[in-house]
Structures are given as structure tokens and as C-alpha cells.
Protein backbone atom coordinates (compact mmCIF):
# COMPACT_ATOMS: atom_id res chain seq x y z
CA MET A 1 145.50 120.31 113.08
CA SER A 2 143.59 117.39 115.41
CA LYS A 3 145.69 114.32 116.41
CA SER A 4 143.14 112.10 114.41
CA ALA A 5 143.89 114.45 111.34
CA ILE A 6 147.70 113.79 112.01
CA VAL A 7 147.23 110.17 112.34
CA SER A 8 144.94 110.29 109.14
CA ARG A 9 148.18 111.66 107.10
CA VAL A 10 150.35 108.95 108.53
CA PHE A 11 148.36 106.03 107.71
CA HIS A 12 147.76 107.59 104.14
CA THR A 13 151.59 107.78 103.57
CA VAL A 14 152.14 104.59 105.16
CA ILE A 15 149.17 102.61 102.91
CA GLY A 16 151.09 104.56 99.81
CA THR A 17 154.61 103.27 100.21
CA ALA A 18 153.02 99.93 101.22
CA ALA A 19 151.35 100.18 98.01
CA LEU A 20 154.55 101.43 95.83
CA LEU A 21 156.99 99.04 97.75
CA TRP A 22 154.09 95.87 96.67
CA LEU A 23 154.47 96.74 93.09
CA LEU A 24 158.36 97.47 93.39
CA TRP A 25 159.19 93.98 95.13
CA TYR A 26 156.70 91.18 93.42
CA PHE A 27 156.54 92.89 89.66
CA PHE A 28 159.68 94.76 89.03
CA PRO A 29 161.85 93.05 86.98
CA ILE A 30 165.08 94.68 88.51
CA PRO A 31 167.79 92.82 90.83
CA THR A 32 167.12 92.46 94.06
CA TRP A 33 170.11 95.20 95.14
CA ALA A 34 168.60 97.42 92.92
CA LYS A 35 164.94 96.97 94.92
CA GLY A 36 166.35 97.19 98.27
CA LEU A 37 168.25 100.65 97.45
CA LEU A 38 164.70 102.11 95.73
CA THR A 39 162.93 100.27 99.07
CA LEU A 40 165.44 102.48 101.29
CA VAL A 41 164.58 105.77 99.20
CA LEU A 42 160.95 105.35 99.14
CA VAL A 43 160.84 105.04 102.74
CA MET A 44 163.10 108.24 103.58
CA VAL A 45 161.11 109.97 101.13
CA ALA A 46 158.11 109.37 103.23
CA CYS A 47 159.29 109.50 106.38
CA GLY A 48 160.29 113.14 105.27
CA GLN A 49 156.90 114.04 103.56
CA ALA A 50 155.06 113.21 106.76
CA ARG A 51 157.57 115.29 108.41
CA LEU A 52 156.86 117.86 106.72
CA ARG A 53 153.50 117.60 106.13
CA CYS A 54 153.02 117.33 110.02
CA ARG A 55 155.28 120.54 110.54
CA ARG A 56 153.24 122.58 107.80
CA HIS A 57 149.97 122.28 109.43
CA GLN A 58 151.16 122.68 112.93
CA ALA A 59 152.88 125.75 112.03
CA THR A 60 149.38 126.79 110.43
CA GLU A 61 147.35 125.62 113.25
CA GLY A 62 147.95 128.69 115.60
CA ASN A 63 147.26 131.46 112.60
CA VAL A 64 143.37 130.22 111.38
CA ALA A 65 140.43 130.90 112.98
CA ALA A 66 137.78 128.71 113.01
CA PRO A 67 134.71 129.94 111.16
CA ASP A 68 131.44 129.43 112.57
CA LEU A 69 130.15 126.39 110.85
CA PRO A 70 127.39 123.95 111.07
CA LEU A 71 127.81 120.92 112.32
CA LEU A 72 129.44 118.04 110.73
CA GLU A 73 126.43 115.95 110.45
CA HIS A 74 124.67 118.61 108.70
CA GLN A 75 124.99 117.52 105.05
CA SER A 76 124.06 120.72 103.80
CA PRO A 77 125.68 123.24 101.31
CA VAL A 78 127.95 125.71 102.40
CA VAL A 79 128.26 128.64 100.03
CA LEU A 80 131.17 130.77 100.19
CA VAL A 81 129.93 134.58 99.01
CA CYS A 82 132.20 137.33 97.93
CA GLY A 83 131.68 140.15 95.68
CA ASP A 84 129.94 143.61 96.07
CA GLY A 85 127.77 144.46 99.58
CA LEU A 86 128.77 141.84 101.66
CA ASP A 87 128.54 144.22 104.72
CA ALA A 88 125.30 145.23 104.12
CA LEU A 89 123.97 141.39 103.47
CA PHE A 90 125.72 139.95 106.21
CA ALA A 91 125.76 142.66 109.18
CA ALA A 92 127.84 141.80 112.06
CA GLN A 93 127.09 138.17 111.55
CA PRO A 94 130.27 136.26 109.32
CA LEU A 95 127.91 133.01 108.76
CA ARG A 96 124.26 133.09 107.70
CA LYS A 97 122.26 129.55 108.74
CA THR A 98 119.32 128.80 106.77
CA GLY A 99 117.17 125.22 106.83
CA GLN A 100 118.58 124.59 103.48
CA GLY A 101 122.18 125.22 103.58
CA CYS A 102 124.04 128.28 104.91
CA TRP A 103 126.10 131.52 103.70
CA LEU A 104 129.53 131.87 104.48
CA HIS A 105 131.01 135.81 104.33
CA VAL A 106 134.38 136.23 102.42
CA ALA A 107 135.98 139.54 102.65
CA ASP A 108 137.20 139.66 98.45
CA VAL A 109 137.73 137.32 95.75
CA GLY A 110 141.33 136.95 96.43
CA ALA A 111 140.47 135.71 99.93
CA LEU A 112 138.59 132.47 98.38
CA THR A 113 141.69 130.28 98.63
CA GLU A 114 142.90 131.23 101.88
CA VAL A 115 139.36 130.37 103.25
CA VAL A 116 139.22 126.85 101.70
CA ARG A 117 142.65 126.03 102.74
CA ASN A 118 141.87 126.71 106.26
CA LEU A 119 138.82 125.05 105.89
CA ARG A 120 140.55 121.77 104.79
CA ILE A 121 142.85 122.02 107.53
CA GLN A 122 140.21 122.23 110.13
CA GLN A 123 137.32 120.25 108.65
CA PRO A 124 138.66 118.52 105.59
CA GLN A 125 134.89 116.42 105.17
CA ARG A 126 133.76 119.71 104.59
CA LEU A 127 135.25 120.49 101.34
CA GLY A 128 132.62 118.39 99.19
CA GLN A 129 130.22 120.92 100.50
CA LEU A 130 131.73 124.18 99.26
CA SER A 131 130.27 125.94 96.78
CA ILE A 132 131.09 129.75 95.18
CA MET A 133 128.62 132.75 95.16
CA TYR A 134 129.82 135.93 93.36
CA ALA A 135 127.77 138.81 94.25
CA CYS A 136 127.81 141.76 91.54
CA LEU A 137 125.94 144.86 92.03
CA PRO A 138 126.33 147.02 88.70
CA ASP A 139 124.84 149.96 90.96
CA GLN A 140 127.82 150.15 92.20
CA HIS A 141 130.65 150.07 89.38
CA GLN A 142 131.61 153.27 87.29
CA ASN A 143 133.35 151.24 84.36
CA GLU A 144 132.77 147.91 82.85
CA ALA A 145 136.70 147.42 82.81
CA ALA A 146 137.08 147.55 86.60
CA LEU A 147 134.34 144.55 86.83
CA ARG A 148 135.99 142.93 84.34
CA ALA A 149 138.87 142.89 86.27
CA THR A 150 137.48 141.01 89.04
CA LEU A 151 135.71 138.38 87.02
CA LYS A 152 138.94 137.58 86.27
CA SER A 153 140.36 137.47 89.60
CA LEU A 154 137.13 134.83 90.33
CA ARG A 155 138.48 132.73 87.36
CA GLN A 156 141.74 132.53 88.79
CA GLN A 157 140.56 132.07 92.30
CA VAL A 158 138.33 129.06 90.86
CA ARG A 159 141.61 127.57 89.07
CA GLN A 160 143.60 127.46 92.22
CA LEU A 161 140.37 126.32 94.13
CA SER A 162 140.22 123.20 91.96
CA LEU A 163 144.38 122.31 92.29
CA LEU A 164 143.24 123.03 96.07
CA THR A 165 140.54 120.60 96.30
CA GLY A 166 141.17 118.15 93.71
CA PHE A 167 137.80 119.27 91.71
CA PRO A 168 136.07 122.05 90.25
CA LEU A 169 133.74 123.82 92.87
CA PRO A 170 130.28 124.66 91.78
CA VAL A 171 130.00 128.68 91.03
CA VAL A 172 126.67 130.60 91.48
CA ILE A 173 126.40 133.96 89.94
CA ASN A 174 124.14 136.79 92.33
CA CYS A 175 122.95 139.85 90.19
CA GLN A 176 121.01 142.61 91.46
CA PHE A 177 119.96 145.73 89.69
CA SER A 178 118.04 148.54 90.17
CA GLY A 179 114.59 148.85 88.53
CA PRO A 180 110.98 147.73 89.68
CA GLU A 181 110.86 144.87 92.34
CA ILE A 182 110.72 141.62 91.13
CA PRO A 183 111.38 137.94 92.91
CA TRP A 184 114.72 136.01 92.70
CA ILE A 185 115.00 134.56 89.35
CA ILE A 186 116.85 131.61 89.17
CA VAL A 187 118.75 130.58 85.55
CA ARG A 188 120.22 126.83 84.98
CA GLY A 189 120.51 125.94 81.63
CA GLU A 190 117.96 126.92 79.38
CA HIS A 191 115.43 126.68 82.09
CA ALA A 192 114.71 129.76 84.31
CA VAL A 193 112.54 130.10 87.25
CA VAL A 194 110.73 132.78 89.05
CA CYS A 195 111.00 132.65 93.24
CA PRO A 196 108.60 134.41 94.79
CA ALA A 197 108.96 134.88 98.70
CA ASN A 198 106.76 132.63 100.58
CA ASP A 199 105.47 130.92 97.67
CA ALA A 200 106.20 128.05 95.20
CA PRO A 201 108.59 128.45 92.41
CA LEU A 202 106.73 128.86 88.81
CA PRO A 203 108.28 129.04 85.04
CA LEU A 204 109.45 132.63 83.54
CA ARG A 205 106.85 132.53 81.24
CA GLU A 206 103.92 131.80 83.18
CA TRP A 207 105.13 134.56 85.80
CA GLN A 208 105.30 136.84 82.52
CA THR A 209 101.79 136.25 81.62
CA ALA A 210 100.70 137.16 85.38
CA GLY A 211 100.43 140.26 84.96
CA HIS A 212 104.54 141.33 85.54
CA ILE A 213 104.14 143.47 82.27
CA THR A 214 105.66 146.31 82.89
CA ALA A 215 109.29 145.06 84.12
CA LEU A 216 109.78 143.21 81.49
CA PRO A 217 112.12 145.85 79.22
CA VAL A 218 114.25 146.18 82.43
CA LEU A 219 114.57 142.50 83.13
CA GLY A 220 115.14 142.09 79.52
CA GLN A 221 118.22 144.37 79.58
CA ALA A 222 118.98 142.51 82.91
CA PHE A 223 119.52 139.17 81.25
CA THR A 224 121.32 141.18 77.87
CA PHE A 225 124.19 142.79 80.68
CA CYS A 226 124.56 139.20 82.40
CA ARG A 227 125.52 137.45 79.40
CA GLU A 228 127.18 139.99 77.63
CA ILE A 229 129.44 140.93 80.31
CA LEU A 230 129.37 138.81 83.24
CA LEU A 231 129.11 135.46 81.64
CA ASP A 232 131.34 136.72 78.82
CA GLU A 233 134.23 137.55 80.89
CA LEU A 234 134.24 134.17 82.74
CA ALA A 235 133.85 132.10 79.58
CA GLN A 236 137.09 133.56 78.37
CA ALA A 237 140.11 131.09 78.42
CA ASP A 238 143.40 132.16 78.22
CA ARG A 239 147.30 130.38 79.11
CA LEU A 240 146.81 130.25 82.64
CA TYR A 241 143.26 130.05 83.88
CA PRO A 242 140.43 127.93 81.85
CA PRO A 243 136.90 129.24 81.73
CA VAL A 244 134.46 129.06 83.96
CA HIS A 245 130.68 128.13 83.59
CA PRO A 246 128.31 128.86 85.98
CA PHE A 247 126.43 126.36 88.05
CA ALA A 248 123.54 129.01 88.04
CA VAL A 249 122.67 132.49 87.70
CA ALA A 250 120.99 134.28 90.03
CA LEU A 251 118.94 137.71 89.38
CA ARG A 252 116.75 140.21 90.21
CA THR A 253 115.26 143.95 90.36
CA GLY A 254 114.76 145.93 92.94
CA TYR A 255 118.28 147.33 94.20
CA PRO A 256 118.09 150.91 95.70
CA ALA A 257 119.68 153.19 92.99
CA GLU A 258 122.08 155.46 94.24
CA GLU A 259 123.94 157.11 91.50
CA ASN A 260 122.71 158.23 87.37
CA HIS A 261 126.03 157.47 86.12
CA ALA A 262 126.35 154.27 87.36
CA LEU A 263 127.53 151.43 84.83
CA TRP A 264 123.71 149.87 84.96
CA ALA A 265 122.04 153.31 84.94
CA HIS A 266 124.51 154.15 81.73
CA TRP A 267 123.47 150.34 80.09
CA LEU A 268 119.94 151.17 80.66
CA HIS A 269 119.63 154.50 79.46
CA LEU A 270 121.28 153.77 76.85
CA ARG A 271 119.91 150.75 75.64
CA SER A 272 116.33 151.35 76.77
CA CYS A 273 116.39 155.10 77.59
CA LEU A 274 114.82 154.32 81.07
CA GLN A 275 116.00 155.69 84.27
CA PHE A 276 115.15 155.60 87.88
CA PRO A 277 116.11 158.09 90.46
CA PRO A 278 118.07 157.44 93.36
CA ILE A 279 116.44 155.29 95.82
CA LEU A 280 118.14 154.47 99.51
CA ALA A 281 115.70 152.53 100.81
CA ARG A 282 116.66 148.80 101.11
CA SER A 283 114.59 145.58 101.69
CA ALA A 284 115.28 143.33 104.32
CA THR A 285 118.59 141.54 104.30
CA ALA A 286 117.22 137.99 103.89
CA ASP A 287 115.38 139.26 100.44
CA HIS A 288 119.36 139.50 99.20
CA PHE A 289 120.05 135.79 99.00
CA PRO A 290 118.83 133.46 96.57
CA ASP A 291 117.89 130.81 99.00
CA ALA A 292 116.09 128.83 96.17
CA VAL A 293 119.65 127.79 94.40
CA LEU A 294 120.41 125.80 97.80
CA ALA A 295 117.92 123.77 96.90
CA LEU A 296 119.38 122.90 93.71
CA LEU A 297 122.87 122.77 95.05
CA SER A 298 121.98 120.06 97.79
CA PRO A 299 122.53 117.40 95.23
CA TYR A 300 125.99 117.71 94.48
CA ALA A 301 127.09 118.94 98.33
CA LEU A 302 127.96 115.96 100.26
CA PRO A 303 130.56 115.53 102.78
CA GLU A 304 133.88 114.02 101.57
CA GLN A 305 134.80 110.79 103.00
CA GLY A 306 138.49 110.91 103.87
CA GLY A 307 139.41 113.72 102.12
CA GLN A 308 141.52 115.10 99.51
CA ALA A 309 144.80 112.17 100.68
CA SER A 310 142.20 109.50 101.01
CA ARG A 311 140.80 109.80 97.02
CA ARG A 312 145.08 110.37 96.23
CA VAL A 313 145.80 107.44 97.89
CA VAL A 314 142.80 105.48 95.81
CA CYS A 315 144.38 106.76 92.79
CA LEU A 316 147.70 105.68 93.87
CA LEU A 317 146.15 101.97 94.63
CA MET A 318 144.67 101.67 90.94
CA CYS A 319 147.61 102.87 89.54
CA CYS A 320 149.81 100.33 91.44
CA ALA A 321 147.47 97.58 90.49
CA LEU A 322 147.39 98.47 86.59
CA ALA A 323 150.85 98.96 86.88
CA ALA A 324 150.91 95.65 88.25
CA ILE A 325 148.84 94.21 85.67
CA GLY A 326 150.87 95.40 83.16
CA PHE A 327 154.31 94.18 84.90
CA SER A 328 152.66 90.97 85.03
CA VAL A 329 151.72 90.62 81.57
CA ALA A 330 155.67 91.54 80.34
CA ASN A 331 156.96 89.03 82.63
CA ASN A 332 154.60 86.34 81.27
CA ARG A 333 155.94 87.70 77.70
CA TYR A 334 159.37 87.28 79.03
CA LEU A 335 158.94 83.95 80.28
CA ILE A 336 156.78 82.54 77.01
CA HIS A 337 159.76 84.34 75.32
CA GLN A 338 162.64 82.60 77.09
CA ILE A 339 160.78 78.81 76.84
CA GLY A 340 160.09 79.67 73.36
CA ALA A 341 163.98 80.30 72.35
CA ASP A 342 164.69 77.16 74.24
CA LEU A 343 162.70 75.11 72.11
CA GLN A 344 163.22 76.75 69.29
CA ARG A 345 167.07 75.96 70.11
CA TRP A 346 165.87 72.23 70.62
CA HIS A 347 164.22 71.80 67.46
CA ALA A 348 167.27 73.64 65.29
CA ILE A 349 169.69 70.93 66.85
CA PRO A 350 169.74 67.92 64.90
CA MET A 351 169.36 64.69 66.53
CA ILE A 352 172.51 63.16 65.11
CA HIS A 353 174.60 65.82 67.13
CA SER A 354 174.49 64.32 70.95
CA ALA A 355 176.76 66.80 72.22
CA PRO A 356 174.48 70.33 71.53
CA LYS A 357 171.60 68.34 71.71
CA ALA A 358 171.90 67.11 75.41
CA GLN A 359 173.14 70.16 76.46
CA SER A 360 169.51 71.55 74.72
CA LEU A 361 167.71 68.69 76.01
CA ALA A 362 169.35 69.88 79.90
CA ALA A 363 167.72 73.55 79.34
CA LEU A 364 164.71 71.59 78.36
CA GLN A 365 164.30 69.61 81.64
CA GLN A 366 165.47 72.52 83.83
CA ASP A 367 162.38 74.82 82.48
CA ALA A 368 159.99 71.98 82.93
CA LEU A 369 160.99 71.21 86.55
CA LEU A 370 160.41 74.79 87.51
CA LEU A 371 157.11 74.76 85.78
CA GLU A 372 156.54 71.38 87.76
CA ARG A 373 157.21 72.93 91.04
CA TRP A 374 155.11 75.81 90.20
CA GLN A 375 152.33 73.68 89.82
CA ARG A 376 152.56 72.19 93.06
CA GLN A 377 153.56 75.57 94.71
CA GLY A 378 151.45 77.90 93.07
CA GLU A 379 153.29 80.57 90.46
CA PRO A 380 154.92 83.56 91.62
CA LEU A 381 152.97 86.58 91.99
CA LYS A 382 154.38 88.25 89.56
CA TYR A 383 152.89 86.01 86.62
CA SER A 384 149.71 85.56 88.49
CA LEU A 385 148.10 88.88 86.64
CA GLY A 386 148.83 88.60 83.72
CA LEU A 387 146.79 85.31 82.36
CA TYR A 388 149.76 82.58 83.27
CA SER A 389 150.59 79.78 80.59
CA GLY A 390 153.00 77.46 82.86
CA GLN A 391 150.91 74.55 82.30
CA ARG A 392 150.56 74.82 78.40
CA LEU A 393 154.19 75.52 78.34
CA TRP A 394 154.46 72.35 80.30
CA LEU A 395 153.04 70.40 78.27
CA THR A 396 155.13 71.63 75.31
CA LEU A 397 158.19 71.00 76.88
CA GLN A 398 157.72 67.52 78.05
CA GLN A 399 156.53 67.05 73.98
CA ALA A 400 159.74 67.85 73.08
CA ILE A 401 161.04 65.98 75.56
CA ASP A 402 159.93 62.83 74.75
CA THR A 403 160.91 63.06 71.83
CA TYR A 404 164.47 62.72 72.62
CA ILE A 405 166.51 59.53 70.89
CA PRO A 406 169.67 58.87 72.68
CA PRO A 407 172.50 57.88 70.83
CA PRO A 408 173.27 54.39 70.74
CA HIS A 409 175.67 52.66 72.92
CA THR A 410 179.62 52.07 71.65
CA PRO A 411 180.53 49.15 73.89
CA THR A 412 183.78 49.95 75.45
CA PRO A 413 187.01 48.31 73.33
CA VAL A 414 188.61 45.66 75.20
CA GLU A 415 191.99 44.67 74.52
CA THR A 416 193.03 41.84 72.75
CA HIS A 417 195.03 40.33 75.87
CA THR A 418 192.52 40.59 78.33
CA THR A 419 189.79 38.04 77.12
CA HIS A 420 190.44 35.23 74.79
CA THR A 421 187.98 32.61 73.31
CA VAL A 422 188.13 29.76 71.41
CA ARG A 423 184.81 28.69 69.54
CA LEU A 424 184.27 25.01 68.62
CA ASP A 425 182.08 23.75 65.93
CA ALA A 426 179.90 21.41 67.73
CA LEU A 427 179.21 19.11 65.04
CA SER A 428 182.94 18.40 65.07
CA LEU A 429 182.67 17.36 68.80
CA PHE A 430 178.88 15.84 69.39
CA ASP A 431 176.29 14.09 67.24
CA THR A 432 173.34 15.54 66.55
CA GLY A 433 171.25 15.84 69.65
CA LYS A 434 174.29 13.91 71.93
CA PHE A 435 176.25 15.48 74.04
CA GLN A 436 178.89 12.82 74.27
CA LEU A 437 182.36 13.63 72.57
CA ASN A 438 183.03 11.81 69.41
CA PRO A 439 185.99 9.98 69.25
CA GLY A 440 187.65 12.18 66.70
CA SER A 441 187.53 15.06 68.54
CA THR A 442 190.39 14.87 70.31
CA ASN A 443 192.90 16.61 68.30
CA ILE A 444 190.14 19.68 68.31
CA LEU A 445 190.29 19.37 72.15
CA VAL A 446 193.99 18.97 72.42
CA ASN A 447 194.60 22.21 70.64
CA ALA A 448 192.48 24.26 72.62
CA LEU A 449 193.98 22.47 75.76
CA ILE A 450 197.26 24.21 74.79
CA GLY A 451 195.70 27.61 74.13
CA ILE A 452 194.04 27.05 77.70
CA LYS A 453 196.85 26.12 80.15
CA ALA A 454 199.06 28.64 78.50
CA LYS A 455 196.82 31.42 80.51
CA PRO A 456 197.50 29.40 84.09
CA GLY A 457 195.56 31.27 86.74
CA TRP A 458 192.59 32.51 84.31
CA LEU A 459 188.87 31.83 84.43
CA ILE A 460 187.86 29.25 82.07
CA VAL A 461 184.02 29.75 81.16
CA VAL A 462 182.96 26.99 78.96
CA ALA A 463 179.45 28.18 77.08
CA GLY A 464 177.57 26.10 74.96
CA HIS A 465 175.23 26.99 72.15
CA THR A 466 172.36 25.48 69.78
CA ASP A 467 170.49 26.67 67.27
CA ILE A 468 166.60 27.35 67.02
CA THR A 469 165.55 23.85 65.73
CA GLY A 470 163.51 21.91 68.55
CA ASP A 471 162.17 22.52 72.02
CA ALA A 472 164.04 25.90 73.84
CA GLY A 473 164.21 24.16 77.06
CA ALA A 474 165.56 21.40 75.85
CA ASN A 475 167.89 23.32 73.95
CA GLN A 476 168.79 25.05 76.56
CA VAL A 477 169.68 21.47 78.63
CA LEU A 478 171.30 19.95 75.59
CA SER A 479 174.09 23.37 75.51
CA ARG A 480 175.06 22.99 78.94
CA LYS A 481 175.17 18.92 79.24
CA ARG A 482 177.63 19.85 76.24
CA ALA A 483 180.02 22.50 78.17
CA GLU A 484 179.81 20.13 80.76
CA ALA A 485 181.19 17.22 78.74
CA LEU A 486 184.25 19.51 77.68
CA ARG A 487 184.98 20.59 81.32
CA ASP A 488 185.00 17.07 82.46
CA TRP A 489 187.63 15.82 79.30
CA MET A 490 189.75 19.04 80.21
CA LEU A 491 189.85 17.79 84.17
CA ALA A 492 190.44 14.14 82.99
CA THR A 493 193.73 15.00 80.77
CA SER A 494 195.08 18.09 82.46
CA ASP A 495 195.99 19.33 86.06
CA LEU A 496 193.23 21.77 85.97
CA SER A 497 191.49 22.61 89.30
CA PRO A 498 187.64 22.54 89.10
CA THR A 499 187.33 25.77 90.41
CA CYS A 500 188.73 27.21 87.22
CA PHE A 501 185.69 26.42 85.22
CA ALA A 502 182.28 28.20 84.54
CA ILE A 503 179.67 26.32 82.64
CA GLN A 504 177.24 28.00 81.04
CA GLY A 505 174.13 26.72 78.62
CA TYR A 506 172.37 29.53 76.53
CA GLY A 507 170.76 27.21 74.13
CA ALA A 508 169.42 29.73 71.34
CA THR A 509 169.30 33.01 73.21
CA ARG A 510 172.96 33.76 71.77
CA PRO A 511 172.68 33.57 68.17
CA ILE A 512 176.25 34.75 66.06
CA ALA A 513 174.34 34.45 62.68
CA THR A 514 171.05 34.01 61.30
CA ASN A 515 168.80 30.72 62.24
CA ASP A 516 166.89 31.26 58.67
CA THR A 517 169.78 29.69 56.70
CA ALA A 518 171.47 25.94 56.93
CA LYS A 519 174.86 27.87 57.28
CA GLY A 520 173.73 30.28 59.77
CA ARG A 521 172.04 27.42 62.22
CA ALA A 522 175.34 25.63 61.63
CA ALA A 523 177.41 28.56 63.04
CA ASN A 524 175.26 28.98 65.81
CA ARG A 525 175.64 25.39 67.03
CA ARG A 526 179.05 25.60 68.99
CA VAL A 527 180.63 25.82 72.02
CA ASP A 528 182.72 28.86 73.29
CA ILE A 529 185.96 28.31 75.65
CA SER A 530 186.79 31.89 76.42
CA LEU A 531 189.52 32.73 79.20
CA VAL A 532 188.72 35.74 81.79
CA PRO A 533 191.87 37.53 83.14
CA GLN A 534 190.68 37.19 86.69
CA VAL A 535 193.45 37.02 89.69
CA ASP A 536 193.55 33.62 91.54
CA ALA A 537 190.59 32.48 89.81
CA CYS A 538 191.55 29.29 90.16
CA GLN A 539 194.45 27.35 91.73
CA ALA A 540 196.42 23.96 91.17
CA PRO A 541 195.08 21.15 92.96
CA ILE A 542 196.72 20.50 96.17
CA PRO A 543 198.69 16.82 95.72
CA GLN A 544 198.13 14.31 97.85
CA HIS A 545 200.97 12.49 99.46
CA ALA A 546 200.90 8.68 100.44
CA SER A 547 200.58 8.35 104.02
CA ASN A 548 203.58 6.49 105.50
CA GLU A 549 201.27 4.16 107.27
């Protein structure tokens, strides 16, 4: 095997292994450790297969004799000739070349497989130009059974060659009978053409009407012999070998008759009572080759580009591509099923069940984030060949997420001793629209002051409130001035520090009842004094000592 052939086979192995690894790593839905294990197995098998093929071809290289074939650039049919009378056909030359192709001598029918195998090793690009011609001389056969056995061997060889090359080789049947000498007749399908030497071919009917009536009885029996024995045996099929349908049948009469008890002589005498005396003279060797068949084989005889190994690699690549599409479709279906299950769980949980609803919401948000990242960066390759529907799924997830209603906020319970609030009615302290304390409000304020002084050091928050009657800005100012009036009274009647107070005026912004009724508006007009536990919120004022001066 040449160095280029070895490199080609290694290249084919690398390409096939790379295609399988691509399919494995990007599309197979299996864990990573399993992918690594399968990768190791594939690499080991590929290396072992490449070494085995190289050793096998190197071992056979020394035992193969290169046949004398035309140059590689000569794109013409190469016909492997086997059967009867080959020594007389080829004489001392194993190869006969013509302008339309060449005829290669094969020892016997059983040697076809070995010859084609050697050609595949040395010149694999020539396999597409090969065809087979079986030469049958009925005058050299004694009985029909032996002839049928040879045809069965031909059928077996054709089957083995199909497995070896990857495609069926055309088979041509060449029959030469004793009788009146006529030109070659090429039969293909329903058409029969007579090919006179040094003349243009013409249909069989035109040739018959041209005065060749004497040869018709023998020619008719020759056609019958080919149909009932040769074609019948080739058309039979058994468990191991399929039938063979010849590409064409080439027959002629004029072959010398050697023995009267030959198969053809017995056939002809039994059916037509004709009998020809033995004739030992032979015509020129070139007349025994149906060269007109080469013109019919030329459209089907083309050099192979890359050989059988390339076809196998192309088939493997196509299978990997189809498998990748199938796995991509399966991966997309699994993604849709997974997100659909999360959406189904979301819709099945009532909104009032806060805890499981929040868990389902988290799952939807996780799915949406994943799809959004794939939209920015591109979806993974395992989804890209199977009609990826990430945008539609993302929109469905967002619509489901937007329907979420969070549970109402429950305020943190506050212990009763942490904050103490004294609520005073503004009508009992102030006149309408005024912020000066009424003279009769002293008792109310004293009781409030007693409660305040029971919590020394706490922050005192005085907040004034009004109803919605009147201007909002004026109500805001009025509520703050009323809070300041209470603070000033407490400062004047106690030893509390001004830093203990925080003054707030809310106006009508924080109602505790409806403003649609008089009772509700009266409840909203109030002053709240709240004691907030805060360490060192305020300190007692520092006493002023009299100067000795």
C-alpha cells in the first residue's frame, strides 16, 4: 500500500471518530463521566482499527502483482473477463486495450474476488470502472449441469464483489456459437443491435431484412439457449446469493465446431435437426471481443473519488447528522416537558398557600434566568437543531411570574411595655382652629404628665393630627403648633429636658377613623404622646448653682 493510501485511511478514521465524539459530547443526554468513558473506548477502538488495517494491507502488499492497467487519468471501462476459451482470446497478453476501454484476463470465475481485492489495494479509484464479462462457449461444454454450476459460481462471486466494493458491478454475458458466421449482436433489455465490423450498428430487424435469412434458424436457437439456460440460472435466487440480472448479452455465431456431441450441437440438432461439421479454423482474436459493449459501459464506468472508505465516512457523517437532529428534537421535548411541569405545579398551587407558592415561584424564576442567559449567549448546541422554542417558553414563564401576588405583610408584634402612647382629644385641649391650650385642659395634661414621668429617660414623641377639613397645608402647621404647645406646657411644669421631646405634625395624613362622618373627624383631631424606649434619649437638665461672687 502506498504512503498516501495509509494517510487517507488514517484521515478517514480520524474524521469518523471525530463525528462520533461530536455527537456524543454535544447531543447524547448522558452524564459527563459516561461521555468520558465512551470517548476513551472510541479512541482505543479507532487506534486499534487503524493499526490492524495498516498491518493487513502491508502484509498483502508484497504478495500482490500489479496488473498492467491503463493510466489513472484514462476514464474508460475495465472489463474482467472470465469463463471459457480465455487462453485463445488473450494469447500471451493478460490485457487487451482499445480506444474505448480494456479487457483484463482473469484465470477463472472463482478468481474474480481476489483480482478485485488486489485492485482495491493498489488502485482503489479504479473500482468504479470495473465490470465483469463471462465468456460462454457452449461448443466446449458436454452437459448442462456443469454449465449451470459455473453460472452459480458466477452468481456467488457477484455477491461477494458487491460486499467488497459496496456496489454491484455490471455483468455482461458473452456467448459464441458454432454456425454461420454473423456479426456481434448486443441485447440490452428489449433492444437488440447488430454491430458489423467496420460499420455502424443497426437494429436486428433491419439486419434480418437485409438478406441474412439463412442465419435466422441458428440465431433463434442461440437466443433460446441464452434465455433458457444462462439467464434462467442467473435469475435464480437462494438464501445466500441473490439473482444476477446481466447488464447486456453479446452473442454471435461462427465459432468453430469441434465435437458433434457438445452441448450446443445436441441442443441445435434436437430442436432444429441442424448439424454442422467440425471446423477447426478460427477467426481473428479481435473478433471474439464484443467491443461495442464498451460504449454501453462508458456512462457507468467512472473513477471513484476517495473509494469505498470515503463513501463509508460520508455515510457515517450523514448518520451522525441525522442522529444529532433526532437527539436535538428529543432534548427540546425534554426541556419543554421540564418547564411545563414547573408551570403546571405553579398553576395547581392556590395563591393563599404562601410557602409552596413561593417555592414554585423560585423554580419558575430559575428557569426564566436560564432561558434569558441562553438568549444573550446563544442556546446550547444540543437544542439548536431541533426547533428551539426558548423565546416562547421565556414569555410563558414571565406571564406566570407576573401573576404572583405576595402575601399581605404582617407587622411584627410589639410588646406592650416597649411603647406607651397617650392619646388626647384635641377638642378638649384647643378651640377649633387654635393652638393655645384651654384653661380647662390642665387636669388632662397633669394626668398625661404623671404617666410620662413614670418612664424617665424615654423619648417623648408628641404628634399632632387634624381631620381633612380646611386647607392641607394649614392643617399641617396647626397640628405641629398644637404639639409644640403641649411640649412647652410640659417643660414649664416639670423638670424634663427639651432634648427628651420630638415634635411631629402630620395634619390629616394619618387618620384613625373615616373622615366622612362627624364622629370620625372628631376622632382624627387628636394629639398623641408616645414614649419610645431609647437608652439615654434624654437627660435631666444640669442644675444651675449660684455664684459666690
